[in-house]
Amino acid sequence: MVFSSIGFIFIFFPLFLFSYYKVPETYRNIVLFVGSLVFYLFGSYGHPEYIGLFVASIVLNYFFGLLLRIKKHTW
């Protein structure tokens, strides 16, 4: 899916924004995560097997970010 496509502008983006602002603030990061996965799934053009790689990258980057935060306090 391309940002300038009709499907993104008139279907995905409005539904995503609506769901983002309708959930309580504590669940908004989950909505962002799921929305990103759905966007990537539709953008992969029939290659959903890469979703696992995408999730693994997200998890690794999250833990590296936590590690950097811990290291920052020890510098």
PDB file of N, CA and C in Angstrom:
ATOM      1  N   MET A   1       0.854  -1.170   0.000  1.00  0.00           N
ATOM      2  CA  MET A   1       0.000   0.000   0.000  1.00  0.00           C
ATOM      3  C   MET A   1       0.898   1.230   0.000  1.00  0.00           C
ATOM      4  N   VAL A   2       0.561   2.144  -0.827  1.00  0.00           N
ATOM      5  CA  VAL A   2       1.312   3.392  -0.949  1.00  0.00           C
ATOM      6  C   VAL A   2       0.538   4.490  -0.235  1.00  0.00           C
ATOM      7  N   PHE A   3       1.256   5.439   0.351  1.00  0.00           N
ATOM      8  CA  PHE A   3       0.596   6.519   1.085  1.00  0.00           C
ATOM      9  C   PHE A   3      -0.337   7.348   0.217  1.00  0.00           C
ATOM     10  N   SER A   4      -0.082   7.404  -1.063  1.00  0.00           N
ATOM     11  CA  SER A   4      -0.930   8.209  -1.939  1.00  0.00           C
ATOM     12  C   SER A   4      -2.012   7.387  -2.633  1.00  0.00           C
ATOM     13  N   SER A   5      -2.173   6.122  -2.270  1.00  0.00           N
ATOM     14  CA  SER A   5      -3.196   5.295  -2.915  1.00  0.00           C
ATOM     15  C   SER A   5      -4.581   5.629  -2.367  1.00  0.00           C
ATOM     16  N   ILE A   6      -5.581   5.343  -3.165  1.00  0.00           N
ATOM     17  CA  ILE A   6      -6.969   5.610  -2.775  1.00  0.00           C
ATOM     18  C   ILE A   6      -7.348   4.778  -1.550  1.00  0.00           C
ATOM     19  N   GLY A   7      -6.899   3.534  -1.523  1.00  0.00           N
ATOM     20  CA  GLY A   7      -7.212   2.663  -0.392  1.00  0.00           C
ATOM     21  C   GLY A   7      -6.644   3.178   0.918  1.00  0.00           C
ATOM     22  N   PHE A   8      -5.448   3.733   0.859  1.00  0.00           N
ATOM     23  CA  PHE A   8      -4.849   4.272   2.083  1.00  0.00           C
ATOM     24  C   PHE A   8      -5.555   5.544   2.523  1.00  0.00           C
ATOM     25  N   ILE A   9      -5.758   6.462   1.583  1.00  0.00           N
ATOM     26  CA  ILE A   9      -6.308   7.777   1.933  1.00  0.00           C
ATOM     27  C   ILE A   9      -7.754   7.698   2.398  1.00  0.00           C
ATOM     28  N   PHE A  10      -8.577   6.876   1.739  1.00  0.00           N
ATOM     29  CA  PHE A  10     -10.004   6.882   2.030  1.00  0.00           C
ATOM     30  C   PHE A  10     -10.490   5.702   2.864  1.00  0.00           C
ATOM     31  N   ILE A  11      -9.669   4.670   3.061  1.00  0.00           N
ATOM     32  CA  ILE A  11     -10.112   3.524   3.856  1.00  0.00           C
ATOM     33  C   ILE A  11      -9.235   3.322   5.078  1.00  0.00           C
ATOM     34  N   PHE A  12      -7.954   3.019   4.845  1.00  0.00           N
ATOM     35  CA  PHE A  12      -7.078   2.652   5.952  1.00  0.00           C
ATOM     36  C   PHE A  12      -6.847   3.810   6.915  1.00  0.00           C
ATOM     37  N   PHE A  13      -6.436   4.965   6.419  1.00  0.00           N
ATOM     38  CA  PHE A  13      -6.091   6.084   7.272  1.00  0.00           C
ATOM     39  C   PHE A  13      -7.273   6.582   8.116  1.00  0.00           C
ATOM     40  N   PRO A  14      -8.455   6.779   7.545  1.00  0.00           N
ATOM     41  CA  PRO A  14      -9.573   7.202   8.401  1.00  0.00           C
ATOM     42  C   PRO A  14      -9.954   6.159   9.455  1.00  0.00           C
ATOM     43  N   LEU A  15      -9.953   4.871   9.080  1.00  0.00           N
ATOM     44  CA  LEU A  15     -10.262   3.831  10.069  1.00  0.00           C
ATOM     45  C   LEU A  15      -9.209   3.772  11.164  1.00  0.00           C
ATOM     46  N   PHE A  16      -7.962   3.937  10.772  1.00  0.00           N
ATOM     47  CA  PHE A  16      -6.881   3.920  11.745  1.00  0.00           C
ATOM     48  C   PHE A  16      -6.988   5.096  12.705  1.00  0.00           C
ATOM     49  N   LEU A  17      -7.194   6.306  12.181  1.00  0.00           N
ATOM     50  CA  LEU A  17      -7.327   7.476  13.042  1.00  0.00           C
ATOM     51  C   LEU A  17      -8.530   7.365  13.967  1.00  0.00           C
ATOM     52  N   PHE A  18      -9.639   6.886  13.434  1.00  0.00           N
ATOM     53  CA  PHE A  18     -10.834   6.717  14.258  1.00  0.00           C
ATOM     54  C   PHE A  18     -10.566   5.747  15.405  1.00  0.00           C
ATOM     55  N   SER A  19      -9.951   4.612  15.098  1.00  0.00           N
ATOM     56  CA  SER A  19      -9.691   3.625  16.153  1.00  0.00           C
ATOM     57  C   SER A  19      -8.639   4.138  17.139  1.00  0.00           C
ATOM     58  N   TYR A  20      -7.665   4.914  16.658  1.00  0.00           N
ATOM     59  CA  TYR A  20      -6.631   5.442  17.543  1.00  0.00           C
ATOM     60  C   TYR A  20      -7.227   6.392  18.579  1.00  0.00           C
ATOM     61  N   TYR A  21      -8.115   7.266  18.148  1.00  0.00           N
ATOM     62  CA  TYR A  21      -8.674   8.243  19.070  1.00  0.00           C
ATOM     63  C   TYR A  21      -9.859   7.713  19.868  1.00  0.00           C
ATOM     64  N   LYS A  22     -10.412   6.565  19.490  1.00  0.00           N
ATOM     65  CA  LYS A  22     -11.537   6.005  20.230  1.00  0.00           C
ATOM     66  C   LYS A  22     -11.103   5.112  21.386  1.00  0.00           C
ATOM     67  N   VAL A  23      -9.900   4.549  21.319  1.00  0.00           N
ATOM     68  CA  VAL A  23      -9.445   3.686  22.413  1.00  0.00           C
ATOM     69  C   VAL A  23      -8.910   4.552  23.547  1.00  0.00           C
ATOM     70  N   PRO A  24      -8.915   4.019  24.772  1.00  0.00           N
ATOM     71  CA  PRO A  24      -8.306   4.772  25.878  1.00  0.00           C
ATOM     72  C   PRO A  24      -6.810   5.002  25.631  1.00  0.00           C
ATOM     73  N   GLU A  25      -6.283   6.030  26.258  1.00  0.00           N
ATOM     74  CA  GLU A  25      -4.898   6.419  26.022  1.00  0.00           C
ATOM     75  C   GLU A  25      -3.902   5.306  26.318  1.00  0.00           C
ATOM     76  N   THR A  26      -4.217   4.437  27.251  1.00  0.00           N
ATOM     77  CA  THR A  26      -3.271   3.379  27.622  1.00  0.00           C
ATOM     78  C   THR A  26      -3.120   2.328  26.520  1.00  0.00           C
ATOM     79  N   TYR A  27      -4.082   2.231  25.607  1.00  0.00           N
ATOM     80  CA  TYR A  27      -4.035   1.219  24.546  1.00  0.00           C
ATOM     81  C   TYR A  27      -3.613   1.783  23.193  1.00  0.00           C
ATOM     82  N   ARG A  28      -3.257   3.025  23.137  1.00  0.00           N
ATOM     83  CA  ARG A  28      -2.938   3.641  21.846  1.00  0.00           C
ATOM     84  C   ARG A  28      -1.668   3.073  21.219  1.00  0.00           C
ATOM     85  N   ASN A  29      -0.696   2.692  22.039  1.00  0.00           N
ATOM     86  CA  ASN A  29       0.508   2.079  21.473  1.00  0.00           C
ATOM     87  C   ASN A  29       0.190   0.741  20.819  1.00  0.00           C
ATOM     88  N   ILE A  30      -0.765   0.015  21.368  1.00  0.00           N
ATOM     89  CA  ILE A  30      -1.175  -1.259  20.772  1.00  0.00           C
ATOM     90  C   ILE A  30      -1.848  -1.008  19.430  1.00  0.00           C
ATOM     91  N   VAL A  31      -2.665   0.035  19.364  1.00  0.00           N
ATOM     92  CA  VAL A  31      -3.318   0.387  18.101  1.00  0.00           C
ATOM     93  C   VAL A  31      -2.263   0.768  17.057  1.00  0.00           C
ATOM     94  N   LEU A  32      -1.245   1.517  17.466  1.00  0.00           N
ATOM     95  CA  LEU A  32      -0.165   1.865  16.546  1.00  0.00           C
ATOM     96  C   LEU A  32       0.565   0.620  16.057  1.00  0.00           C
ATOM     97  N   PHE A  33       0.813  -0.310  16.955  1.00  0.00           N
ATOM     98  CA  PHE A  33       1.504  -1.548  16.602  1.00  0.00           C
ATOM     99  C   PHE A  33       0.679  -2.368  15.603  1.00  0.00           C
ATOM    100  N   VAL A  34      -0.586  -2.566  15.906  1.00  0.00           N
ATOM    101  CA  VAL A  34      -1.449  -3.350  15.020  1.00  0.00           C
ATOM    102  C   VAL A  34      -1.658  -2.628  13.689  1.00  0.00           C
ATOM    103  N   GLY A  35      -1.836  -1.324  13.738  1.00  0.00           N
ATOM    104  CA  GLY A  35      -1.986  -0.561  12.502  1.00  0.00           C
ATOM    105  C   GLY A  35      -0.758  -0.650  11.621  1.00  0.00           C
ATOM    106  N   SER A  36       0.414  -0.623  12.230  1.00  0.00           N
ATOM    107  CA  SER A  36       1.650  -0.767  11.462  1.00  0.00           C
ATOM    108  C   SER A  36       1.747  -2.138  10.826  1.00  0.00           C
ATOM    109  N   LEU A  37       1.361  -3.178  11.571  1.00  0.00           N
ATOM    110  CA  LEU A  37       1.391  -4.534  11.013  1.00  0.00           C
ATOM    111  C   LEU A  37       0.408  -4.682   9.854  1.00  0.00           C
ATOM    112  N   VAL A  38      -0.775  -4.116  10.005  1.00  0.00           N
ATOM    113  CA  VAL A  38      -1.771  -4.199   8.937  1.00  0.00           C
ATOM    114  C   VAL A  38      -1.287  -3.429   7.713  1.00  0.00           C
ATOM    115  N   PHE A  39      -0.730  -2.252   7.931  1.00  0.00           N
ATOM    116  CA  PHE A  39      -0.203  -1.472   6.809  1.00  0.00           C
ATOM    117  C   PHE A  39       0.907  -2.243   6.101  1.00  0.00           C
ATOM    118  N   TYR A  40       1.793  -2.834   6.861  1.00  0.00           N
ATOM    119  CA  TYR A  40       2.891  -3.594   6.254  1.00  0.00           C
ATOM    120  C   TYR A  40       2.357  -4.826   5.527  1.00  0.00           C
ATOM    121  N   LEU A  41       1.347  -5.487   6.103  1.00  0.00           N
ATOM    122  CA  LEU A  41       0.773  -6.676   5.474  1.00  0.00           C
ATOM    123  C   LEU A  41       0.166  -6.331   4.119  1.00  0.00           C
ATOM    124  N   PHE A  42      -0.575  -5.218   4.043  1.00  0.00           N
ATOM    125  CA  PHE A  42      -1.156  -4.817   2.769  1.00  0.00           C
ATOM    126  C   PHE A  42      -0.107  -4.263   1.823  1.00  0.00           C
ATOM    127  N   GLY A  43       0.963  -3.733   2.353  1.00  0.00           N
ATOM    128  CA  GLY A  43       2.022  -3.192   1.523  1.00  0.00           C
ATOM    129  C   GLY A  43       2.986  -4.240   1.008  1.00  0.00           C
ATOM    130  N   SER A  44       2.935  -5.447   1.562  1.00  0.00           N
ATOM    131  CA  SER A  44       3.881  -6.486   1.143  1.00  0.00           C
ATOM    132  C   SER A  44       3.410  -7.213  -0.108  1.00  0.00           C
ATOM    133  N   TYR A  45       2.237  -6.888  -0.604  1.00  0.00           N
ATOM    134  CA  TYR A  45       1.721  -7.420  -1.864  1.00  0.00           C
ATOM    135  C   TYR A  45       1.750  -8.945  -1.919  1.00  0.00           C
ATOM    136  N   GLY A  46       1.115  -9.571  -0.954  1.00  0.00           N
ATOM    137  CA  GLY A  46       0.968 -11.015  -0.987  1.00  0.00           C
ATOM    138  C   GLY A  46       2.113 -11.794  -0.379  1.00  0.00           C
ATOM    139  N   HIS A  47       2.940 -11.155   0.419  1.00  0.00           N
ATOM    140  CA  HIS A  47       4.036 -11.845   1.087  1.00  0.00           C
ATOM    141  C   HIS A  47       3.893 -11.718   2.600  1.00  0.00           C
ATOM    142  N   PRO A  48       2.860 -12.331   3.167  1.00  0.00           N
ATOM    143  CA  PRO A  48       2.653 -12.200   4.615  1.00  0.00           C
ATOM    144  C   PRO A  48       3.687 -12.951   5.449  1.00  0.00           C
ATOM    145  N   GLU A  49       4.538 -13.759   4.814  1.00  0.00           N
ATOM    146  CA  GLU A  49       5.540 -14.491   5.580  1.00  0.00           C
ATOM    147  C   GLU A  49       6.595 -13.560   6.174  1.00  0.00           C
ATOM    148  N   TYR A  50       6.656 -12.334   5.711  1.00  0.00           N
ATOM    149  CA  TYR A  50       7.620 -11.383   6.252  1.00  0.00           C
ATOM    150  C   TYR A  50       7.117 -10.679   7.513  1.00  0.00           C
ATOM    151  N   ILE A  51       5.890 -10.937   7.906  1.00  0.00           N
ATOM    152  CA  ILE A  51       5.355 -10.332   9.125  1.00  0.00           C
ATOM    153  C   ILE A  51       6.176 -10.769  10.340  1.00  0.00           C
ATOM    154  N   GLY A  52       6.577 -12.038  10.369  1.00  0.00           N
ATOM    155  CA  GLY A  52       7.399 -12.526  11.477  1.00  0.00           C
ATOM    156  C   GLY A  52       8.720 -11.783  11.563  1.00  0.00           C
ATOM    157  N   LEU A  53       9.326 -11.503  10.430  1.00  0.00           N
ATOM    158  CA  LEU A  53      10.571 -10.739  10.401  1.00  0.00           C
ATOM    159  C   LEU A  53      10.336  -9.321  10.896  1.00  0.00           C
ATOM    160  N   PHE A  54       9.217  -8.737  10.506  1.00  0.00           N
ATOM    161  CA  PHE A  54       8.874  -7.390  10.933  1.00  0.00           C
ATOM    162  C   PHE A  54       8.668  -7.337  12.447  1.00  0.00           C
ATOM    163  N   VAL A  55       7.944  -8.309  12.996  1.00  0.00           N
ATOM    164  CA  VAL A  55       7.706  -8.365  14.439  1.00  0.00           C
ATOM    165  C   VAL A  55       9.018  -8.600  15.185  1.00  0.00           C
ATOM    166  N   ALA A  56       9.869  -9.494  14.666  1.00  0.00           N
ATOM    167  CA  ALA A  56      11.167  -9.747  15.304  1.00  0.00           C
ATOM    168  C   ALA A  56      12.017  -8.483  15.321  1.00  0.00           C
ATOM    169  N   SER A  57      11.983  -7.721  14.245  1.00  0.00           N
ATOM    170  CA  SER A  57      12.726  -6.465  14.190  1.00  0.00           C
ATOM    171  C   SER A  57      12.197  -5.470  15.220  1.00  0.00           C
ATOM    172  N   ILE A  58      10.891  -5.399  15.367  1.00  0.00           N
ATOM    173  CA  ILE A  58      10.285  -4.494  16.344  1.00  0.00           C
ATOM    174  C   ILE A  58      10.699  -4.889  17.756  1.00  0.00           C
ATOM    175  N   VAL A  59      10.620  -6.176  18.059  1.00  0.00           N
ATOM    176  CA  VAL A  59      10.960  -6.649  19.410  1.00  0.00           C
ATOM    177  C   VAL A  59      12.440  -6.402  19.707  1.00  0.00           C
ATOM    178  N   LEU A  60      13.318  -6.733  18.767  1.00  0.00           N
ATOM    179  CA  LEU A  60      14.750  -6.502  18.978  1.00  0.00           C
ATOM    180  C   LEU A  60      15.054  -5.017  19.172  1.00  0.00           C
ATOM    181  N   ASN A  61      14.464  -4.169  18.354  1.00  0.00           N
ATOM    182  CA  ASN A  61      14.701  -2.735  18.500  1.00  0.00           C
ATOM    183  C   ASN A  61      14.164  -2.208  19.823  1.00  0.00           C
ATOM    184  N   TYR A  62      13.055  -2.743  20.285  1.00  0.00           N
ATOM    185  CA  TYR A  62      12.509  -2.333  21.580  1.00  0.00           C
ATOM    186  C   TYR A  62      13.484  -2.667  22.704  1.00  0.00           C
ATOM    187  N   PHE A  63      14.014  -3.889  22.682  1.00  0.00           N
ATOM    188  CA  PHE A  63      14.934  -4.281  23.747  1.00  0.00           C
ATOM    189  C   PHE A  63      16.274  -3.562  23.641  1.00  0.00           C
ATOM    190  N   PHE A  64      16.726  -3.265  22.433  1.00  0.00           N
ATOM    191  CA  PHE A  64      17.934  -2.466  22.285  1.00  0.00           C
ATOM    192  C   PHE A  64      17.711  -1.048  22.810  1.00  0.00           C
ATOM    193  N   GLY A  65      16.518  -0.521  22.616  1.00  0.00           N
ATOM    194  CA  GLY A  65      16.190   0.791  23.167  1.00  0.00           C
ATOM    195  C   GLY A  65      16.202   0.783  24.685  1.00  0.00           C
ATOM    196  N   LEU A  66      15.654  -0.273  25.279  1.00  0.00           N
ATOM    197  CA  LEU A  66      15.712  -0.398  26.740  1.00  0.00           C
ATOM    198  C   LEU A  66      17.152  -0.495  27.216  1.00  0.00           C
ATOM    199  N   LEU A  67      17.961  -1.242  26.499  1.00  0.00           N
ATOM    200  CA  LEU A  67      19.372  -1.389  26.848  1.00  0.00           C
ATOM    201  C   LEU A  67      20.099  -0.049  26.762  1.00  0.00           C
ATOM    202  N   LEU A  68      19.795   0.733  25.748  1.00  0.00           N
ATOM    203  CA  LEU A  68      20.404   2.051  25.634  1.00  0.00           C
ATOM    204  C   LEU A  68      19.994   2.970  26.778  1.00  0.00           C
ATOM    205  N   ARG A  69      18.750   2.852  27.193  1.00  0.00           N
ATOM    206  CA  ARG A  69      18.294   3.686  28.306  1.00  0.00           C
ATOM    207  C   ARG A  69      19.031   3.313  29.587  1.00  0.00           C
ATOM    208  N   ILE A  70      19.247   2.022  29.796  1.00  0.00           N
ATOM    209  CA  ILE A  70      19.990   1.572  30.967  1.00  0.00           C
ATOM    210  C   ILE A  70      21.442   2.042  30.881  1.00  0.00           C
ATOM    211  N   LYS A  71      22.054   1.904  29.710  1.00  0.00           N
ATOM    212  CA  LYS A  71      23.447   2.314  29.514  1.00  0.00           C
ATOM    213  C   LYS A  71      23.625   3.818  29.648  1.00  0.00           C
ATOM    214  N   LYS A  72      22.601   4.583  29.278  1.00  0.00           N
ATOM    215  CA  LYS A  72      22.689   6.035  29.330  1.00  0.00           C
ATOM    216  C   LYS A  72      22.897   6.512  30.771  1.00  0.00           C
ATOM    217  N   HIS A  73      22.278   5.824  31.703  1.00  0.00           N
ATOM    218  CA  HIS A  73      22.387   6.228  33.093  1.00  0.00           C
ATOM    219  C   HIS A  73      23.729   5.858  33.707  1.00  0.00           C
ATOM    220  N   THR A  74      24.464   4.975  33.054  1.00  0.00           N
ATOM    221  CA  THR A  74      25.752   4.575  33.612  1.00  0.00           C
ATOM    222  C   THR A  74      26.910   5.327  32.982  1.00  0.00           C
ATOM    223  N   TRP A  75      26.655   6.154  31.950  1.00  0.00           N
ATOM    224  CA  TRP A  75      27.755   6.886  31.294  1.00  0.00           C
ATOM    225  C   TRP A  75      28.177   8.051  32.104  1.00  0.00           C
TER     226      TRP A  75
END
